[in-house]
PDB file of N, CA and C in Angstrom:
ATOM      1  N   UNK A   1      30.607 -74.818 -43.502  1.00  0.00           N
ATOM      2  CA  UNK A   1      30.554 -76.225 -43.232  1.00  0.00           C
ATOM      3  C   UNK A   1      29.308 -76.543 -42.430  1.00  0.00           C
ATOM      4  N   UNK A   2      28.722 -77.684 -42.747  1.00  0.00           N
ATOM      5  CA  UNK A   2      27.547 -78.146 -42.025  1.00  0.00           C
ATOM      6  C   UNK A   2      27.922 -79.073 -40.874  1.00  0.00           C
ATOM      7  N   UNK A   3      29.028 -79.828 -41.031  1.00  0.00           N
ATOM      8  CA  UNK A   3      29.459 -80.733 -39.966  1.00  0.00           C
ATOM      9  C   UNK A   3      30.943 -81.031 -40.118  1.00  0.00           C
ATOM     10  N   UNK A   4      31.520 -81.601 -39.063  1.00  0.00           N
ATOM     11  CA  UNK A   4      32.925 -81.988 -39.078  1.00  0.00           C
ATOM     12  C   UNK A   4      33.103 -83.352 -38.438  1.00  0.00           C
ATOM     13  N   UNK A   5      34.194 -84.011 -38.812  1.00  0.00           N
ATOM     14  CA  UNK A   5      34.586 -85.290 -38.232  1.00  0.00           C
ATOM     15  C   UNK A   5      36.044 -85.151 -37.810  1.00  0.00           C
ATOM     16  N   UNK A   6      36.359 -85.590 -36.590  1.00  0.00           N
ATOM     17  CA  UNK A   6      37.708 -85.457 -36.050  1.00  0.00           C
ATOM     18  C   UNK A   6      38.188 -86.785 -35.486  1.00  0.00           C
ATOM     19  N   UNK A   7      39.505 -86.980 -35.479  1.00  0.00           N
ATOM     20  CA  UNK A   7      40.127 -88.115 -34.813  1.00  0.00           C
ATOM     21  C   UNK A   7      41.482 -87.647 -34.316  1.00  0.00           C
ATOM     22  N   UNK A   8      41.816 -87.942 -33.066  1.00  0.00           N
ATOM     23  CA  UNK A   8      43.107 -87.618 -32.488  1.00  0.00           C
ATOM     24  C   UNK A   8      43.641 -88.870 -31.815  1.00  0.00           C
ATOM     25  N   UNK A   9      44.868 -89.255 -32.172  1.00  0.00           N
ATOM     26  CA  UNK A   9      45.487 -90.453 -31.602  1.00  0.00           C
ATOM     27  C   UNK A   9      46.767 -90.062 -30.875  1.00  0.00           C
ATOM     28  N   UNK A  10      46.877 -90.422 -29.616  1.00  0.00           N
ATOM     29  CA  UNK A  10      48.092 -90.227 -28.837  1.00  0.00           C
ATOM     30  C   UNK A  10      49.100 -91.294 -29.253  1.00  0.00           C
ATOM     31  N   UNK A  11      50.343 -90.872 -29.519  1.00  0.00           N
ATOM     32  CA  UNK A  11      51.389 -91.823 -29.901  1.00  0.00           C
ATOM     33  C   UNK A  11      52.357 -92.034 -28.746  1.00  0.00           C
ATOM     34  N   UNK A  12      53.010 -90.967 -28.283  1.00  0.00           N
ATOM     35  CA  UNK A  12      53.940 -91.083 -27.166  1.00  0.00           C
ATOM     36  C   UNK A  12      54.198 -89.703 -26.567  1.00  0.00           C
ATOM     37  N   UNK A  13      54.742 -89.695 -25.356  1.00  0.00           N
ATOM     38  CA  UNK A  13      55.088 -88.428 -24.714  1.00  0.00           C
ATOM     39  C   UNK A  13      56.341 -88.621 -23.874  1.00  0.00           C
ATOM     40  N   UNK A  14      57.107 -87.550 -23.763  1.00  0.00           N
ATOM     41  CA  UNK A  14      58.263 -87.519 -22.873  1.00  0.00           C
ATOM     42  C   UNK A  14      58.138 -86.253 -22.042  1.00  0.00           C
ATOM     43  N   UNK A  15      57.907 -86.435 -20.734  1.00  0.00           N
ATOM     44  CA  UNK A  15      57.718 -85.307 -19.832  1.00  0.00           C
ATOM     45  C   UNK A  15      58.884 -85.256 -18.859  1.00  0.00           C
ATOM     46  N   UNK A  16      59.446 -84.072 -18.713  1.00  0.00           N
ATOM     47  CA  UNK A  16      60.510 -83.873 -17.746  1.00  0.00           C
ATOM     48  C   UNK A  16      59.952 -83.023 -16.613  1.00  0.00           C
ATOM     49  N   UNK A  17      60.778 -82.257 -15.927  1.00  0.00           N
ATOM     50  CA  UNK A  17      60.290 -81.505 -14.772  1.00  0.00           C
ATOM     51  C   UNK A  17      59.229 -80.475 -15.140  1.00  0.00           C
ATOM     52  N   UNK A  18      59.538 -79.579 -16.060  1.00  0.00           N
ATOM     53  CA  UNK A  18      58.610 -78.513 -16.425  1.00  0.00           C
ATOM     54  C   UNK A  18      58.305 -78.461 -17.920  1.00  0.00           C
ATOM     55  N   UNK A  19      58.971 -79.298 -18.714  1.00  0.00           N
ATOM     56  CA  UNK A  19      58.784 -79.276 -20.166  1.00  0.00           C
ATOM     57  C   UNK A  19      58.621 -80.702 -20.684  1.00  0.00           C
ATOM     58  N   UNK A  20      58.174 -80.807 -21.914  1.00  0.00           N
ATOM     59  CA  UNK A  20      58.041 -82.120 -22.522  1.00  0.00           C
ATOM     60  C   UNK A  20      57.602 -82.013 -23.965  1.00  0.00           C
ATOM     61  N   UNK A  21      57.502 -83.165 -24.596  1.00  0.00           N
ATOM     62  CA  UNK A  21      56.985 -83.257 -25.957  1.00  0.00           C
ATOM     63  C   UNK A  21      55.991 -84.395 -26.032  1.00  0.00           C
ATOM     64  N   UNK A  22      55.045 -84.261 -26.940  1.00  0.00           N
ATOM     65  CA  UNK A  22      54.047 -85.304 -27.151  1.00  0.00           C
ATOM     66  C   UNK A  22      53.820 -85.432 -28.652  1.00  0.00           C
ATOM     67  N   UNK A  23      53.795 -86.669 -29.131  1.00  0.00           N
ATOM     68  CA  UNK A  23      53.504 -86.953 -30.541  1.00  0.00           C
ATOM     69  C   UNK A  23      52.068 -87.429 -30.660  1.00  0.00           C
ATOM     70  N   UNK A  24      51.360 -86.856 -31.621  1.00  0.00           N
ATOM     71  CA  UNK A  24      49.979 -87.229 -31.899  1.00  0.00           C
ATOM     72  C   UNK A  24      49.796 -87.360 -33.407  1.00  0.00           C
ATOM     73  N   UNK A  25      48.745 -88.030 -33.808  1.00  0.00           N
ATOM     74  CA  UNK A  25      48.333 -88.081 -35.213  1.00  0.00           C
ATOM     75  C   UNK A  25      46.848 -87.728 -35.244  1.00  0.00           C
ATOM     76  N   UNK A  26      46.442 -86.993 -36.268  1.00  0.00           N
ATOM     77  CA  UNK A  26      45.031 -86.594 -36.329  1.00  0.00           C
ATOM     78  C   UNK A  26      44.568 -86.461 -37.778  1.00  0.00           C
ATOM     79  N   UNK A  27      43.266 -86.472 -37.927  1.00  0.00           N
ATOM     80  CA  UNK A  27      42.673 -86.036 -39.189  1.00  0.00           C
ATOM     81  C   UNK A  27      41.403 -85.268 -38.878  1.00  0.00           C
ATOM     82  N   UNK A  28      41.005 -84.430 -39.822  1.00  0.00           N
ATOM     83  CA  UNK A  28      39.800 -83.628 -39.691  1.00  0.00           C
ATOM     84  C   UNK A  28      39.168 -83.486 -41.060  1.00  0.00           C
ATOM     85  N   UNK A  29      37.872 -83.650 -41.111  1.00  0.00           N
ATOM     86  CA  UNK A  29      37.122 -83.460 -42.351  1.00  0.00           C
ATOM     87  C   UNK A  29      35.966 -82.502 -42.085  1.00  0.00           C
ATOM     88  N   UNK A  30      35.743 -81.587 -43.022  1.00  0.00           N
ATOM     89  CA  UNK A  30      34.589 -80.702 -42.958  1.00  0.00           C
ATOM     90  C   UNK A  30      33.659 -81.002 -44.120  1.00  0.00           C
ATOM     91  N   UNK A  31      32.369 -81.087 -43.844  1.00  0.00           N
ATOM     92  CA  UNK A  31      31.369 -81.450 -44.854  1.00  0.00           C
ATOM     93  C   UNK A  31      30.396 -80.301 -45.080  1.00  0.00           C
ATOM     94  N   UNK A  32      29.970 -80.138 -46.334  1.00  0.00           N
ATOM     95  CA  UNK A  32      28.934 -79.147 -46.626  1.00  0.00           C
ATOM     96  C   UNK A  32      27.557 -79.767 -46.383  1.00  0.00           C
ATOM     97  N   UNK A  33      26.506 -79.025 -46.660  1.00  0.00           N
ATOM     98  CA  UNK A  33      25.142 -79.510 -46.391  1.00  0.00           C
ATOM     99  C   UNK A  33      24.744 -80.687 -47.280  1.00  0.00           C
ATOM    100  N   UNK A  34      25.493 -80.941 -48.367  1.00  0.00           N
ATOM    101  CA  UNK A  34      25.234 -82.099 -49.227  1.00  0.00           C
ATOM    102  C   UNK A  34      26.064 -83.316 -48.842  1.00  0.00           C
ATOM    103  N   UNK A  35      26.847 -83.195 -47.771  1.00  0.00           N
ATOM    104  CA  UNK A  35      27.680 -84.309 -47.330  1.00  0.00           C
ATOM    105  C   UNK A  35      29.005 -84.431 -48.072  1.00  0.00           C
ATOM    106  N   UNK A  36      29.334 -83.434 -48.874  1.00  0.00           N
ATOM    107  CA  UNK A  36      30.596 -83.441 -49.621  1.00  0.00           C
ATOM    108  C   UNK A  36      31.721 -82.867 -48.753  1.00  0.00           C
ATOM    109  N   UNK A  37      32.913 -83.481 -48.828  1.00  0.00           N
ATOM    110  CA  UNK A  37      34.068 -82.975 -48.090  1.00  0.00           C
ATOM    111  C   UNK A  37      34.517 -81.656 -48.721  1.00  0.00           C
ATOM    112  N   UNK A  38      34.613 -80.617 -47.895  1.00  0.00           N
ATOM    113  CA  UNK A  38      35.031 -79.310 -48.396  1.00  0.00           C
ATOM    114  C   UNK A  38      36.375 -78.868 -47.827  1.00  0.00           C
ATOM    115  N   UNK A  39      36.806 -79.462 -46.743  1.00  0.00           N
ATOM    116  CA  UNK A  39      38.094 -79.127 -46.144  1.00  0.00           C
ATOM    117  C   UNK A  39      38.537 -80.272 -45.253  1.00  0.00           C
ATOM    118  N   UNK A  40      39.826 -80.343 -44.995  1.00  0.00           N
ATOM    119  CA  UNK A  40      40.298 -81.343 -44.061  1.00  0.00           C
ATOM    120  C   UNK A  40      41.601 -81.978 -44.464  1.00  0.00           C
ATOM    121  N   UNK A  41      41.994 -82.968 -43.680  1.00  0.00           N
ATOM    122  CA  UNK A  41      43.250 -83.668 -43.905  1.00  0.00           C
ATOM    123  C   UNK A  41      43.000 -85.057 -44.470  1.00  0.00           C
ATOM    124  N   UNK A  42      41.952 -85.183 -45.257  1.00  0.00           N
ATOM    125  CA  UNK A  42      41.664 -86.364 -46.066  1.00  0.00           C
ATOM    126  C   UNK A  42      41.008 -87.477 -45.284  1.00  0.00           C
ATOM    127  N   UNK A  43      41.780 -88.408 -44.739  1.00  0.00           N
ATOM    128  CA  UNK A  43      41.177 -89.583 -44.116  1.00  0.00           C
ATOM    129  C   UNK A  43      42.076 -90.133 -43.034  1.00  0.00           C
ATOM    130  N   UNK A  44      41.586 -91.139 -42.339  1.00  0.00           N
ATOM    131  CA  UNK A  44      42.368 -91.775 -41.281  1.00  0.00           C
ATOM    132  C   UNK A  44      43.666 -92.354 -41.821  1.00  0.00           C
ATOM    133  N   UNK A  45      43.662 -92.806 -43.071  1.00  0.00           N
ATOM    134  CA  UNK A  45      44.891 -93.344 -43.681  1.00  0.00           C
ATOM    135  C   UNK A  45      45.949 -92.279 -43.851  1.00  0.00           C
ATOM    136  N   UNK A  46      45.549 -91.052 -44.079  1.00  0.00           N
ATOM    137  CA  UNK A  46      46.474 -89.945 -44.331  1.00  0.00           C
ATOM    138  C   UNK A  46      46.473 -88.959 -43.171  1.00  0.00           C
ATOM    139  N   UNK A  47      46.634 -89.482 -41.965  1.00  0.00           N
ATOM    140  CA  UNK A  47      46.634 -88.633 -40.777  1.00  0.00           C
ATOM    141  C   UNK A  47      47.833 -87.683 -40.783  1.00  0.00           C
ATOM    142  N   UNK A  48      47.684 -86.580 -40.108  1.00  0.00           N
ATOM    143  CA  UNK A  48      48.759 -85.614 -39.934  1.00  0.00           C
ATOM    144  C   UNK A  48      49.515 -85.976 -38.662  1.00  0.00           C
ATOM    145  N   UNK A  49      50.830 -86.123 -38.762  1.00  0.00           N
ATOM    146  CA  UNK A  49      51.678 -86.400 -37.611  1.00  0.00           C
ATOM    147  C   UNK A  49      52.153 -85.068 -37.042  1.00  0.00           C
ATOM    148  N   UNK A  50      52.020 -84.887 -35.734  1.00  0.00           N
ATOM    149  CA  UNK A  50      52.389 -83.616 -35.118  1.00  0.00           C
ATOM    150  C   UNK A  50      53.146 -83.849 -33.813  1.00  0.00           C
ATOM    151  N   UNK A  51      54.105 -82.945 -33.566  1.00  0.00           N
ATOM    152  CA  UNK A  51      54.851 -82.951 -32.298  1.00  0.00           C
ATOM    153  C   UNK A  51      54.443 -81.704 -31.540  1.00  0.00           C
ATOM    154  N   UNK A  52      53.913 -81.911 -30.340  1.00  0.00           N
ATOM    155  CA  UNK A  52      53.485 -80.803 -29.499  1.00  0.00           C
ATOM    156  C   UNK A  52      54.535 -80.554 -28.424  1.00  0.00           C
ATOM    157  N   UNK A  53      54.983 -79.318 -28.276  1.00  0.00           N
ATOM    158  CA  UNK A  53      55.905 -78.939 -27.218  1.00  0.00           C
ATOM    159  C   UNK A  53      55.070 -78.509 -26.022  1.00  0.00           C
ATOM    160  N   UNK A  54      55.370 -79.056 -24.853  1.00  0.00           N
ATOM    161  CA  UNK A  54      54.565 -78.835 -23.656  1.00  0.00           C
ATOM    162  C   UNK A  54      55.349 -78.095 -22.581  1.00  0.00           C
ATOM    163  N   UNK A  55      54.625 -77.385 -21.744  1.00  0.00           N
ATOM    164  CA  UNK A  55      55.216 -76.731 -20.583  1.00  0.00           C
ATOM    165  C   UNK A  55      54.229 -76.870 -19.429  1.00  0.00           C
ATOM    166  N   UNK A  56      54.764 -77.154 -18.243  1.00  0.00           N
ATOM    167  CA  UNK A  56      53.890 -77.276 -17.078  1.00  0.00           C
ATOM    168  C   UNK A  56      53.712 -75.899 -16.444  1.00  0.00           C
ATOM    169  N   UNK A  57      52.467 -75.462 -16.381  1.00  0.00           N
ATOM    170  CA  UNK A  57      52.127 -74.164 -15.807  1.00  0.00           C
ATOM    171  C   UNK A  57      51.000 -74.388 -14.801  1.00  0.00           C
ATOM    172  N   UNK A  58      51.233 -74.002 -13.555  1.00  0.00           N
ATOM    173  CA  UNK A  58      50.225 -74.173 -12.488  1.00  0.00           C
ATOM    174  C   UNK A  58      49.687 -75.597 -12.432  1.00  0.00           C
ATOM    175  N   UNK A  59      50.589 -76.583 -12.474  1.00  0.00           N
ATOM    176  CA  UNK A  59      50.254 -78.015 -12.374  1.00  0.00           C
ATOM    177  C   UNK A  59      49.445 -78.551 -13.547  1.00  0.00           C
ATOM    178  N   UNK A  60      49.393 -77.811 -14.667  1.00  0.00           N
ATOM    179  CA  UNK A  60      48.723 -78.289 -15.876  1.00  0.00           C
ATOM    180  C   UNK A  60      49.721 -78.280 -17.026  1.00  0.00           C
ATOM    181  N   UNK A  61      49.645 -79.292 -17.890  1.00  0.00           N
ATOM    182  CA  UNK A  61      50.505 -79.337 -19.064  1.00  0.00           C
ATOM    183  C   UNK A  61      49.814 -78.595 -20.202  1.00  0.00           C
ATOM    184  N   UNK A  62      50.500 -77.576 -20.743  1.00  0.00           N
ATOM    185  CA  UNK A  62      49.949 -76.692 -21.764  1.00  0.00           C
ATOM    186  C   UNK A  62      50.771 -76.840 -23.039  1.00  0.00           C
ATOM    187  N   UNK A  63      50.108 -76.936 -24.197  1.00  0.00           N
ATOM    188  CA  UNK A  63      50.799 -76.955 -25.483  1.00  0.00           C
ATOM    189  C   UNK A  63      51.249 -75.529 -25.778  1.00  0.00           C
ATOM    190  N   UNK A  64      52.576 -75.335 -25.940  1.00  0.00           N
ATOM    191  CA  UNK A  64      53.105 -73.999 -26.206  1.00  0.00           C
ATOM    192  C   UNK A  64      53.599 -73.840 -27.640  1.00  0.00           C
ATOM    193  N   UNK A  65      53.769 -74.941 -28.364  1.00  0.00           N
ATOM    194  CA  UNK A  65      54.224 -74.892 -29.746  1.00  0.00           C
ATOM    195  C   UNK A  65      53.917 -76.231 -30.377  1.00  0.00           C
ATOM    196  N   UNK A  66      53.779 -76.247 -31.711  1.00  0.00           N
ATOM    197  CA  UNK A  66      53.572 -77.520 -32.399  1.00  0.00           C
ATOM    198  C   UNK A  66      54.183 -77.459 -33.782  1.00  0.00           C
ATOM    199  N   UNK A  67      54.574 -78.634 -34.243  1.00  0.00           N
ATOM    200  CA  UNK A  67      55.108 -78.796 -35.597  1.00  0.00           C
ATOM    201  C   UNK A  67      54.399 -79.974 -36.235  1.00  0.00           C
ATOM    202  N   UNK A  68      54.019 -79.812 -37.499  1.00  0.00           N
ATOM    203  CA  UNK A  68      53.370 -80.885 -38.253  1.00  0.00           C
ATOM    204  C   UNK A  68      54.300 -81.379 -39.335  1.00  0.00           C
ATOM    205  N   UNK A  69      54.240 -82.687 -39.608  1.00  0.00           N
ATOM    206  CA  UNK A  69      55.033 -83.258 -40.688  1.00  0.00           C
ATOM    207  C   UNK A  69      54.511 -82.709 -42.015  1.00  0.00           C
ATOM    208  N   UNK A  70      55.415 -82.445 -42.950  1.00  0.00           N
ATOM    209  CA  UNK A  70      54.977 -81.909 -44.256  1.00  0.00           C
ATOM    210  C   UNK A  70      54.145 -82.895 -45.047  1.00  0.00           C
TER     211      UNK A  70
END
C-alpha cells in the first residue's frame, strides 16, 4: 500500500469501577501507488460497528477485547 485513509467515530461508552464497554464505528481504506483501493472496509457509508471491552489498569482504560458486527 502507498497510503491509507482512516476514520474512527465514538458512539457511546459505559464505564464502571474497573471495567466497561465502548461502541465505535470505523472505516479504513488502503490505496496502491495508482490511487486504487486495494484493501479496507469500503467507505464511510459502510462503517464497521465494533464493541470494545475495556479494563482499567494503572489509571488507564485499556481495550482488552473487541467484537465487530458481521
